[in-house]
N, C-alpha and C. Protein backbone atom coordinates (compact mmCIF):
# COMPACT_ATOMS: atom_id res chain seq x y z
N MET A 1 -17.12 5.32 8.98
CA MET A 1 -17.45 6.73 9.00
C MET A 1 -16.96 7.38 7.71
N GLU A 2 -17.78 8.22 7.12
CA GLU A 2 -17.43 8.90 5.88
C GLU A 2 -16.69 10.22 6.17
N TYR A 3 -15.67 10.52 5.38
CA TYR A 3 -14.93 11.77 5.49
C TYR A 3 -14.91 12.43 4.12
N ASP A 4 -14.81 13.76 4.09
CA ASP A 4 -14.74 14.43 2.80
C ASP A 4 -13.31 14.38 2.26
N ASN A 5 -13.18 14.65 0.97
CA ASN A 5 -11.88 14.56 0.31
C ASN A 5 -10.86 15.53 0.89
N HIS A 6 -11.33 16.70 1.33
CA HIS A 6 -10.41 17.68 1.92
C HIS A 6 -9.79 17.14 3.21
N ALA A 7 -10.59 16.50 4.05
CA ALA A 7 -10.08 15.92 5.30
C ALA A 7 -9.06 14.82 5.00
N ILE A 8 -9.33 14.02 4.00
CA ILE A 8 -8.40 12.95 3.61
C ILE A 8 -7.10 13.57 3.09
N PHE A 9 -7.21 14.62 2.29
CA PHE A 9 -6.02 15.31 1.77
C PHE A 9 -5.18 15.85 2.93
N LEU A 10 -5.81 16.48 3.92
CA LEU A 10 -5.08 17.01 5.07
C LEU A 10 -4.40 15.89 5.86
N ASP A 11 -5.07 14.76 5.97
CA ASP A 11 -4.48 13.62 6.67
C ASP A 11 -3.27 13.08 5.90
N ARG A 12 -3.36 13.10 4.58
CA ARG A 12 -2.23 12.68 3.74
C ARG A 12 -1.03 13.60 3.98
N GLU A 13 -1.29 14.89 4.09
CA GLU A 13 -0.22 15.84 4.37
C GLU A 13 0.41 15.56 5.73
N LYS A 14 -0.40 15.21 6.72
CA LYS A 14 0.12 14.86 8.05
C LYS A 14 1.01 13.62 7.96
N ARG A 15 0.60 12.67 7.11
CA ARG A 15 1.42 11.47 6.94
C ARG A 15 2.78 11.80 6.37
N TYR A 16 2.83 12.70 5.37
CA TYR A 16 4.11 13.09 4.79
C TYR A 16 5.02 13.72 5.84
N VAL A 17 4.44 14.59 6.67
CA VAL A 17 5.22 15.24 7.73
C VAL A 17 5.72 14.20 8.73
N PHE A 18 4.85 13.27 9.11
CA PHE A 18 5.22 12.19 10.04
C PHE A 18 6.37 11.36 9.46
N GLN A 19 6.26 10.98 8.19
CA GLN A 19 7.30 10.19 7.54
C GLN A 19 8.61 10.96 7.49
N LYS A 20 8.55 12.22 7.14
CA LYS A 20 9.76 13.05 7.05
C LYS A 20 10.45 13.14 8.41
N LYS A 21 9.67 13.30 9.47
CA LYS A 21 10.26 13.36 10.82
C LYS A 21 10.95 12.05 11.17
N LEU A 22 10.33 10.92 10.81
CA LEU A 22 10.95 9.62 11.08
C LEU A 22 12.27 9.47 10.33
N ILE A 23 12.26 9.83 9.06
CA ILE A 23 13.48 9.72 8.25
C ILE A 23 14.56 10.64 8.80
N ASP A 24 14.19 11.88 9.11
CA ASP A 24 15.17 12.84 9.63
C ASP A 24 15.78 12.36 10.95
N LYS A 25 14.96 11.75 11.80
CA LYS A 25 15.43 11.30 13.11
C LYS A 25 16.32 10.06 13.01
N TYR A 26 15.90 9.09 12.20
CA TYR A 26 16.58 7.79 12.19
C TYR A 26 17.50 7.56 11.00
N LYS A 27 17.36 8.37 9.94
CA LYS A 27 18.22 8.24 8.76
C LYS A 27 18.18 6.83 8.16
N LYS A 28 16.96 6.30 8.02
CA LYS A 28 16.76 4.96 7.49
C LYS A 28 15.89 5.03 6.24
N THR A 29 15.89 3.97 5.46
CA THR A 29 14.96 3.80 4.35
C THR A 29 13.57 3.62 4.95
N LEU A 30 12.59 4.32 4.39
CA LEU A 30 11.22 4.23 4.90
C LEU A 30 10.32 3.59 3.86
N LEU A 31 9.51 2.66 4.32
CA LEU A 31 8.51 1.99 3.50
C LEU A 31 7.14 2.37 4.06
N SER A 32 6.23 2.80 3.20
CA SER A 32 4.87 3.16 3.62
C SER A 32 3.89 2.37 2.76
N MET A 33 3.04 1.58 3.43
CA MET A 33 2.10 0.73 2.70
C MET A 33 0.67 1.08 3.08
N LYS A 34 -0.15 1.27 2.04
CA LYS A 34 -1.58 1.53 2.25
C LYS A 34 -2.38 0.81 1.18
N VAL A 35 -3.68 0.68 1.43
CA VAL A 35 -4.56 0.00 0.49
C VAL A 35 -5.06 1.00 -0.55
N ASN A 36 -5.11 0.58 -1.81
CA ASN A 36 -5.67 1.40 -2.90
C ASN A 36 -7.18 1.35 -2.84
N TYR A 37 -7.76 2.04 -1.91
CA TYR A 37 -9.20 1.93 -1.69
C TYR A 37 -9.87 3.25 -2.04
N PRO A 38 -10.82 3.23 -2.95
CA PRO A 38 -11.48 4.48 -3.34
C PRO A 38 -12.53 4.91 -2.32
N GLY A 39 -12.93 6.14 -2.42
CA GLY A 39 -14.01 6.62 -1.56
C GLY A 39 -13.52 7.19 -0.25
N ASN A 40 -14.46 7.47 0.61
CA ASN A 40 -14.16 8.19 1.84
C ASN A 40 -14.23 7.33 3.08
N ASN A 41 -14.60 6.07 2.96
CA ASN A 41 -14.67 5.18 4.12
C ASN A 41 -13.57 4.14 3.98
N ARG A 42 -12.35 4.54 4.30
CA ARG A 42 -11.19 3.70 4.03
C ARG A 42 -10.76 2.83 5.20
N ASP A 43 -11.42 2.98 6.32
CA ASP A 43 -11.15 2.14 7.48
C ASP A 43 -12.31 1.17 7.62
N ASN A 44 -12.17 0.00 7.00
CA ASN A 44 -13.24 -0.99 7.02
C ASN A 44 -12.63 -2.39 7.04
N ASN A 45 -13.47 -3.40 7.10
CA ASN A 45 -12.97 -4.78 7.21
C ASN A 45 -12.06 -5.17 6.06
N ILE A 46 -12.40 -4.77 4.85
CA ILE A 46 -11.59 -5.16 3.69
C ILE A 46 -10.20 -4.52 3.76
N THR A 47 -10.14 -3.20 4.00
CA THR A 47 -8.83 -2.53 4.03
C THR A 47 -7.97 -3.04 5.17
N VAL A 48 -8.58 -3.21 6.33
CA VAL A 48 -7.81 -3.69 7.49
C VAL A 48 -7.31 -5.12 7.25
N ASN A 49 -8.15 -5.98 6.71
CA ASN A 49 -7.73 -7.36 6.46
C ASN A 49 -6.66 -7.45 5.37
N ILE A 50 -6.80 -6.66 4.31
CA ILE A 50 -5.79 -6.66 3.25
C ILE A 50 -4.46 -6.17 3.81
N ILE A 51 -4.48 -5.08 4.56
CA ILE A 51 -3.22 -4.53 5.07
C ILE A 51 -2.58 -5.49 6.06
N LYS A 52 -3.38 -6.19 6.85
CA LYS A 52 -2.82 -7.17 7.79
C LYS A 52 -2.17 -8.33 7.04
N CYS A 53 -2.82 -8.81 5.98
CA CYS A 53 -2.23 -9.89 5.18
C CYS A 53 -0.90 -9.44 4.57
N MET A 54 -0.91 -8.25 3.99
CA MET A 54 0.30 -7.76 3.33
C MET A 54 1.37 -7.37 4.35
N ASP A 55 0.97 -6.91 5.52
CA ASP A 55 1.93 -6.61 6.58
C ASP A 55 2.67 -7.90 6.97
N ASN A 56 1.95 -9.00 7.08
CA ASN A 56 2.59 -10.28 7.40
C ASN A 56 3.62 -10.66 6.33
N ILE A 57 3.26 -10.46 5.06
CA ILE A 57 4.17 -10.79 3.95
C ILE A 57 5.42 -9.90 4.02
N ILE A 58 5.19 -8.59 4.14
CA ILE A 58 6.30 -7.62 4.20
C ILE A 58 7.21 -7.92 5.39
N THR A 59 6.61 -8.20 6.54
CA THR A 59 7.40 -8.48 7.75
C THR A 59 8.23 -9.74 7.57
N GLU A 60 7.67 -10.74 6.93
CA GLU A 60 8.42 -11.98 6.68
C GLU A 60 9.59 -11.74 5.73
N ILE A 61 9.35 -10.97 4.69
CA ILE A 61 10.38 -10.70 3.69
C ILE A 61 11.51 -9.84 4.24
N PHE A 62 11.14 -8.76 4.96
CA PHE A 62 12.13 -7.80 5.45
C PHE A 62 12.52 -8.04 6.91
N ASN A 63 12.12 -9.15 7.47
CA ASN A 63 12.23 -9.41 8.90
C ASN A 63 13.54 -8.96 9.54
N ASN A 64 14.64 -9.38 9.01
CA ASN A 64 15.94 -9.07 9.62
C ASN A 64 16.39 -7.64 9.40
N GLU A 65 15.69 -6.91 8.54
CA GLU A 65 16.08 -5.55 8.21
C GLU A 65 15.17 -4.49 8.86
N ILE A 66 14.12 -4.90 9.55
CA ILE A 66 13.16 -3.95 10.13
C ILE A 66 13.75 -3.32 11.39
N TYR A 67 13.81 -2.01 11.37
CA TYR A 67 14.30 -1.25 12.52
C TYR A 67 13.13 -0.82 13.40
N LEU A 68 12.04 -0.38 12.74
CA LEU A 68 10.86 0.12 13.45
C LEU A 68 9.64 -0.08 12.57
N LYS A 69 8.53 -0.52 13.16
CA LYS A 69 7.29 -0.68 12.39
C LYS A 69 6.16 -0.04 13.17
N ILE A 70 5.33 0.73 12.45
CA ILE A 70 4.20 1.43 13.05
C ILE A 70 2.96 1.15 12.23
N PHE A 71 1.90 0.70 12.89
CA PHE A 71 0.60 0.48 12.24
C PHE A 71 -0.35 1.55 12.75
N ARG A 72 -0.94 2.31 11.83
CA ARG A 72 -1.88 3.37 12.22
C ARG A 72 -3.12 3.31 11.35
N ILE A 73 -4.24 3.68 11.96
CA ILE A 73 -5.48 3.88 11.21
C ILE A 73 -5.64 5.39 11.04
N THR A 74 -5.73 5.82 9.78
CA THR A 74 -5.87 7.24 9.48
C THR A 74 -7.09 7.42 8.58
N LEU A 75 -7.35 8.65 8.18
CA LEU A 75 -8.46 8.89 7.25
C LEU A 75 -8.18 8.28 5.89
N GLU A 76 -6.90 8.05 5.59
CA GLU A 76 -6.52 7.36 4.35
C GLU A 76 -6.74 5.86 4.46
N GLY A 77 -7.08 5.39 5.64
CA GLY A 77 -7.24 3.97 5.90
C GLY A 77 -6.07 3.48 6.72
N PRO A 78 -5.94 2.17 6.86
CA PRO A 78 -4.82 1.63 7.63
C PRO A 78 -3.52 1.82 6.86
N ILE A 79 -2.46 2.20 7.59
CA ILE A 79 -1.16 2.43 6.98
C ILE A 79 -0.09 1.77 7.84
N VAL A 80 0.80 1.04 7.18
CA VAL A 80 1.96 0.46 7.84
C VAL A 80 3.18 1.27 7.41
N THR A 81 3.93 1.76 8.39
CA THR A 81 5.15 2.50 8.13
C THR A 81 6.30 1.71 8.74
N ILE A 82 7.31 1.46 7.92
CA ILE A 82 8.45 0.66 8.37
C ILE A 82 9.75 1.38 8.05
N LEU A 83 10.62 1.45 9.03
CA LEU A 83 11.99 1.91 8.80
C LEU A 83 12.86 0.68 8.63
N LEU A 84 13.68 0.70 7.58
CA LEU A 84 14.50 -0.47 7.24
C LEU A 84 15.99 -0.15 7.33
N ASN A 85 16.74 -1.13 7.81
CA ASN A 85 18.20 -1.10 7.75
C ASN A 85 18.61 -1.70 6.42
N MET A 86 18.21 -1.03 5.35
CA MET A 86 18.42 -1.61 4.02
C MET A 86 18.52 -0.48 3.00
N ASP A 87 19.29 -0.73 1.99
CA ASP A 87 19.40 0.20 0.87
C ASP A 87 18.04 0.39 0.21
N GLU A 88 17.68 1.63 -0.11
CA GLU A 88 16.36 1.93 -0.68
C GLU A 88 16.15 1.30 -2.04
N ILE A 89 17.20 1.10 -2.80
CA ILE A 89 17.07 0.49 -4.13
C ILE A 89 16.63 -0.96 -4.00
N LYS A 90 17.29 -1.71 -3.15
CA LYS A 90 16.92 -3.10 -2.92
C LYS A 90 15.51 -3.19 -2.36
N ALA A 91 15.17 -2.31 -1.43
CA ALA A 91 13.82 -2.30 -0.84
C ALA A 91 12.77 -2.01 -1.91
N LYS A 92 13.00 -1.03 -2.77
CA LYS A 92 12.02 -0.68 -3.80
C LYS A 92 11.84 -1.82 -4.79
N LYS A 93 12.93 -2.45 -5.20
CA LYS A 93 12.82 -3.57 -6.14
C LYS A 93 11.97 -4.69 -5.54
N THR A 94 12.19 -4.99 -4.28
CA THR A 94 11.41 -6.03 -3.61
C THR A 94 9.94 -5.62 -3.53
N CYS A 95 9.68 -4.38 -3.18
CA CYS A 95 8.29 -3.90 -3.07
C CYS A 95 7.57 -3.91 -4.41
N MET A 96 8.27 -3.58 -5.49
CA MET A 96 7.65 -3.63 -6.82
C MET A 96 7.28 -5.06 -7.18
N GLU A 97 8.13 -6.01 -6.82
CA GLU A 97 7.83 -7.42 -7.07
C GLU A 97 6.57 -7.83 -6.31
N ILE A 98 6.45 -7.39 -5.08
CA ILE A 98 5.27 -7.71 -4.27
C ILE A 98 4.02 -7.10 -4.90
N GLU A 99 4.10 -5.82 -5.25
CA GLU A 99 2.94 -5.14 -5.86
C GLU A 99 2.52 -5.82 -7.16
N ASP A 100 3.49 -6.24 -7.95
CA ASP A 100 3.20 -6.80 -9.27
C ASP A 100 2.86 -8.29 -9.27
N LYS A 101 3.36 -9.04 -8.30
CA LYS A 101 3.23 -10.50 -8.37
C LYS A 101 2.39 -11.14 -7.28
N HIS A 102 2.24 -10.48 -6.15
CA HIS A 102 1.43 -11.08 -5.08
C HIS A 102 -0.04 -10.96 -5.43
N MET A 103 -0.81 -11.93 -5.00
CA MET A 103 -2.26 -11.98 -5.29
C MET A 103 -2.98 -10.70 -4.84
N LEU A 104 -2.56 -10.10 -3.74
CA LEU A 104 -3.18 -8.87 -3.23
C LEU A 104 -2.32 -7.63 -3.53
N GLY A 105 -1.23 -7.81 -4.26
CA GLY A 105 -0.31 -6.71 -4.53
C GLY A 105 -0.92 -5.54 -5.26
N LYS A 106 -1.90 -5.82 -6.12
CA LYS A 106 -2.54 -4.73 -6.87
C LYS A 106 -3.48 -3.91 -5.99
N CYS A 107 -3.79 -4.42 -4.82
CA CYS A 107 -4.68 -3.72 -3.89
C CYS A 107 -3.94 -2.72 -3.02
N ILE A 108 -2.62 -2.72 -3.08
CA ILE A 108 -1.85 -1.87 -2.18
C ILE A 108 -0.88 -0.98 -2.94
N ASP A 109 -0.45 0.07 -2.25
CA ASP A 109 0.65 0.91 -2.70
C ASP A 109 1.74 0.80 -1.66
N ILE A 110 2.95 0.51 -2.10
CA ILE A 110 4.09 0.51 -1.20
C ILE A 110 5.05 1.57 -1.70
N ASP A 111 5.13 2.66 -0.98
CA ASP A 111 6.05 3.74 -1.33
C ASP A 111 7.33 3.55 -0.54
N VAL A 112 8.46 3.81 -1.19
CA VAL A 112 9.76 3.70 -0.54
C VAL A 112 10.45 5.05 -0.67
N TYR A 113 11.05 5.48 0.46
CA TYR A 113 11.77 6.75 0.53
C TYR A 113 13.19 6.48 1.01
N SER A 114 14.13 7.20 0.42
CA SER A 114 15.53 7.06 0.82
C SER A 114 15.76 7.71 2.18
N SER A 115 16.93 7.50 2.74
CA SER A 115 17.27 8.06 4.04
C SER A 115 17.42 9.59 3.99
N ASP A 116 17.36 10.16 2.79
CA ASP A 116 17.32 11.63 2.69
C ASP A 116 15.96 12.10 2.15
N SER A 117 14.93 11.27 2.34
CA SER A 117 13.51 11.59 2.07
C SER A 117 13.11 11.61 0.60
N ARG A 118 13.97 11.17 -0.30
CA ARG A 118 13.59 11.13 -1.71
C ARG A 118 12.70 9.93 -1.98
N PRO A 119 11.57 10.15 -2.68
CA PRO A 119 10.75 8.99 -3.07
C PRO A 119 11.48 8.21 -4.17
N ILE A 120 11.41 6.90 -4.09
CA ILE A 120 12.04 6.04 -5.10
C ILE A 120 10.93 5.52 -6.00
N GLY A 121 10.94 5.96 -7.26
CA GLY A 121 9.86 5.63 -8.19
C GLY A 121 10.14 4.40 -9.04
N ARG A 122 9.07 3.85 -9.61
CA ARG A 122 9.14 2.66 -10.45
C ARG A 122 9.94 2.92 -11.74
N ARG A 123 9.79 4.09 -12.29
CA ARG A 123 10.42 4.38 -13.59
C ARG A 123 11.94 4.33 -13.53
N LYS A 124 12.50 4.60 -12.33
CA LYS A 124 13.95 4.56 -12.15
C LYS A 124 14.51 3.19 -12.54
N PHE A 125 13.66 2.15 -12.45
CA PHE A 125 14.09 0.78 -12.72
C PHE A 125 13.56 0.26 -14.05
N GLY A 126 12.96 1.14 -14.85
CA GLY A 126 12.43 0.73 -16.13
C GLY A 126 11.08 0.06 -16.06
N TYR A 127 10.45 0.09 -14.89
CA TYR A 127 9.11 -0.49 -14.75
C TYR A 127 8.08 0.48 -15.31
N GLU A 128 7.03 -0.06 -15.87
CA GLU A 128 5.92 0.76 -16.34
C GLU A 128 5.12 1.26 -15.15
N LYS A 129 4.28 2.26 -15.42
CA LYS A 129 3.33 2.70 -14.40
C LYS A 129 2.42 1.53 -14.07
N ARG A 130 1.82 1.59 -12.91
CA ARG A 130 0.97 0.48 -12.47
C ARG A 130 -0.28 0.38 -13.32
N LYS A 131 -0.73 -0.85 -13.49
CA LYS A 131 -1.92 -1.14 -14.28
C LYS A 131 -3.14 -1.22 -13.37
N CYS A 132 -4.29 -0.93 -13.94
CA CYS A 132 -5.57 -1.05 -13.25
C CYS A 132 -5.85 -2.54 -13.01
N PHE A 133 -6.27 -2.88 -11.80
CA PHE A 133 -6.52 -4.29 -11.50
C PHE A 133 -7.86 -4.77 -12.02
N ILE A 134 -8.63 -3.87 -12.64
CA ILE A 134 -9.91 -4.27 -13.23
C ILE A 134 -9.75 -4.53 -14.73
N CYS A 135 -9.15 -3.55 -15.45
CA CYS A 135 -9.10 -3.66 -16.91
C CYS A 135 -7.69 -3.76 -17.49
N ASN A 136 -6.66 -3.61 -16.64
CA ASN A 136 -5.27 -3.72 -17.04
C ASN A 136 -4.77 -2.54 -17.89
N GLU A 137 -5.54 -1.47 -17.98
CA GLU A 137 -5.04 -0.24 -18.59
C GLU A 137 -4.21 0.50 -17.53
N LEU A 138 -3.62 1.63 -17.88
CA LEU A 138 -2.88 2.40 -16.88
C LEU A 138 -3.82 2.85 -15.77
N ALA A 139 -3.44 2.58 -14.53
CA ALA A 139 -4.29 2.92 -13.38
C ALA A 139 -4.56 4.42 -13.32
N ASP A 140 -3.53 5.24 -13.60
CA ASP A 140 -3.71 6.70 -13.57
C ASP A 140 -4.82 7.15 -14.51
N THR A 141 -4.87 6.54 -15.69
CA THR A 141 -5.88 6.90 -16.69
C THR A 141 -7.28 6.53 -16.19
N CYS A 142 -7.42 5.35 -15.65
CA CYS A 142 -8.72 4.91 -15.13
C CYS A 142 -9.20 5.81 -14.01
N ILE A 143 -8.28 6.17 -13.11
CA ILE A 143 -8.65 7.04 -11.99
C ILE A 143 -9.05 8.42 -12.49
N LYS A 144 -8.22 8.99 -13.36
CA LYS A 144 -8.48 10.35 -13.87
C LYS A 144 -9.80 10.42 -14.64
N ASN A 145 -10.07 9.43 -15.45
CA ASN A 145 -11.28 9.43 -16.28
C ASN A 145 -12.47 8.75 -15.63
N LYS A 146 -12.28 8.29 -14.39
CA LYS A 146 -13.36 7.62 -13.64
C LYS A 146 -14.01 6.51 -14.48
N VAL A 147 -13.14 5.66 -15.04
CA VAL A 147 -13.59 4.58 -15.91
C VAL A 147 -14.43 3.56 -15.15
N HIS A 148 -14.06 3.29 -13.91
CA HIS A 148 -14.77 2.30 -13.11
C HIS A 148 -15.49 2.98 -11.95
N THR A 149 -16.68 2.50 -11.65
CA THR A 149 -17.42 3.08 -10.53
C THR A 149 -16.78 2.61 -9.23
N GLN A 150 -17.07 3.33 -8.17
CA GLN A 150 -16.57 2.96 -6.86
C GLN A 150 -17.12 1.59 -6.46
N VAL A 151 -18.38 1.34 -6.76
CA VAL A 151 -19.00 0.06 -6.42
C VAL A 151 -18.28 -1.08 -7.15
N GLU A 152 -17.98 -0.88 -8.43
CA GLU A 152 -17.28 -1.91 -9.21
C GLU A 152 -15.89 -2.17 -8.63
N THR A 153 -15.17 -1.11 -8.32
CA THR A 153 -13.82 -1.23 -7.77
C THR A 153 -13.84 -1.97 -6.43
N LEU A 154 -14.75 -1.58 -5.57
CA LEU A 154 -14.84 -2.22 -4.25
C LEU A 154 -15.22 -3.68 -4.38
N ASP A 155 -16.10 -3.99 -5.31
CA ASP A 155 -16.52 -5.37 -5.52
C ASP A 155 -15.34 -6.23 -5.99
N VAL A 156 -14.54 -5.71 -6.91
CA VAL A 156 -13.39 -6.45 -7.40
C VAL A 156 -12.37 -6.65 -6.27
N MET A 157 -12.13 -5.62 -5.46
CA MET A 157 -11.20 -5.76 -4.34
C MET A 157 -11.69 -6.80 -3.35
N ARG A 158 -12.96 -6.77 -3.05
CA ARG A 158 -13.54 -7.74 -2.11
C ARG A 158 -13.35 -9.15 -2.66
N LYS A 159 -13.61 -9.34 -3.95
CA LYS A 159 -13.44 -10.66 -4.57
C LYS A 159 -11.98 -11.11 -4.56
N MET A 160 -11.06 -10.17 -4.79
CA MET A 160 -9.63 -10.51 -4.75
C MET A 160 -9.24 -10.96 -3.34
N TYR A 161 -9.73 -10.24 -2.35
CA TYR A 161 -9.42 -10.59 -0.96
C TYR A 161 -10.02 -11.96 -0.60
N LEU A 162 -11.28 -12.17 -0.98
CA LEU A 162 -11.92 -13.46 -0.67
C LEU A 162 -11.23 -14.62 -1.39
N ALA A 163 -10.77 -14.40 -2.62
CA ALA A 163 -10.04 -15.44 -3.35
C ALA A 163 -8.73 -15.76 -2.63
N TYR A 164 -8.06 -14.74 -2.13
CA TYR A 164 -6.82 -14.93 -1.38
C TYR A 164 -7.09 -15.75 -0.12
N VAL A 165 -8.09 -15.35 0.64
CA VAL A 165 -8.43 -16.05 1.89
C VAL A 165 -8.80 -17.50 1.59
N ASN A 166 -9.59 -17.69 0.55
CA ASN A 166 -10.00 -19.05 0.20
C ASN A 166 -8.80 -19.90 -0.21
N LYS A 167 -7.90 -19.32 -0.98
CA LYS A 167 -6.73 -20.07 -1.45
C LYS A 167 -5.81 -20.47 -0.30
N TYR A 168 -5.54 -19.52 0.61
CA TYR A 168 -4.54 -19.78 1.65
C TYR A 168 -5.11 -20.20 3.00
N TYR A 169 -6.38 -19.92 3.22
CA TYR A 169 -6.95 -20.23 4.53
C TYR A 169 -8.26 -21.00 4.45
N GLY A 170 -8.73 -21.26 3.24
CA GLY A 170 -10.03 -21.89 3.05
C GLY A 170 -10.23 -23.18 3.80
N ASN A 171 -9.19 -24.01 3.84
CA ASN A 171 -9.33 -25.30 4.51
C ASN A 171 -9.50 -25.15 6.03
N ARG A 172 -9.13 -24.01 6.58
CA ARG A 172 -9.28 -23.79 8.02
C ARG A 172 -10.72 -23.51 8.39
N PHE A 173 -11.53 -23.10 7.41
CA PHE A 173 -12.92 -22.70 7.71
C PHE A 173 -13.92 -23.71 7.18
N ASN A 174 -13.47 -24.75 6.54
CA ASN A 174 -14.41 -25.75 5.97
C ASN A 174 -14.66 -26.87 6.96
């Protein structure tokens, strides 16, 4: 189902309020993971499958530190929210490694918030801004200047996901 940008923006605001309430109640580090999917139809097979793959990875890595995990489908697409019994600095460093090095890491955003609701950014650790997974320029620049079409972006994401499935699960389907 297609939604307009205003509806997606309002849903994003609801997510921030939801996250803030969780942090205020539990006083834990919060991790929020979503797929970098353009357009207005963000709840589809590709986004759900990517988030499920990455949820499995995140759960395996943070397994002993997970206090609470919530999976929701929103207008922004599927979102995994996790409260961690872990220092936000260590959590952010691990999440940056996942985003930068995992085969599907460029398809997702993992935001980390401290137990007092402060977002923990990449620059705090000397990391550069994220690169575009199509051309390797700064992602912000590509998005702002609409360098890549939505069709091109979706096609590349689909190919990345299929390459991942083929690499790790291909023998199960042959």
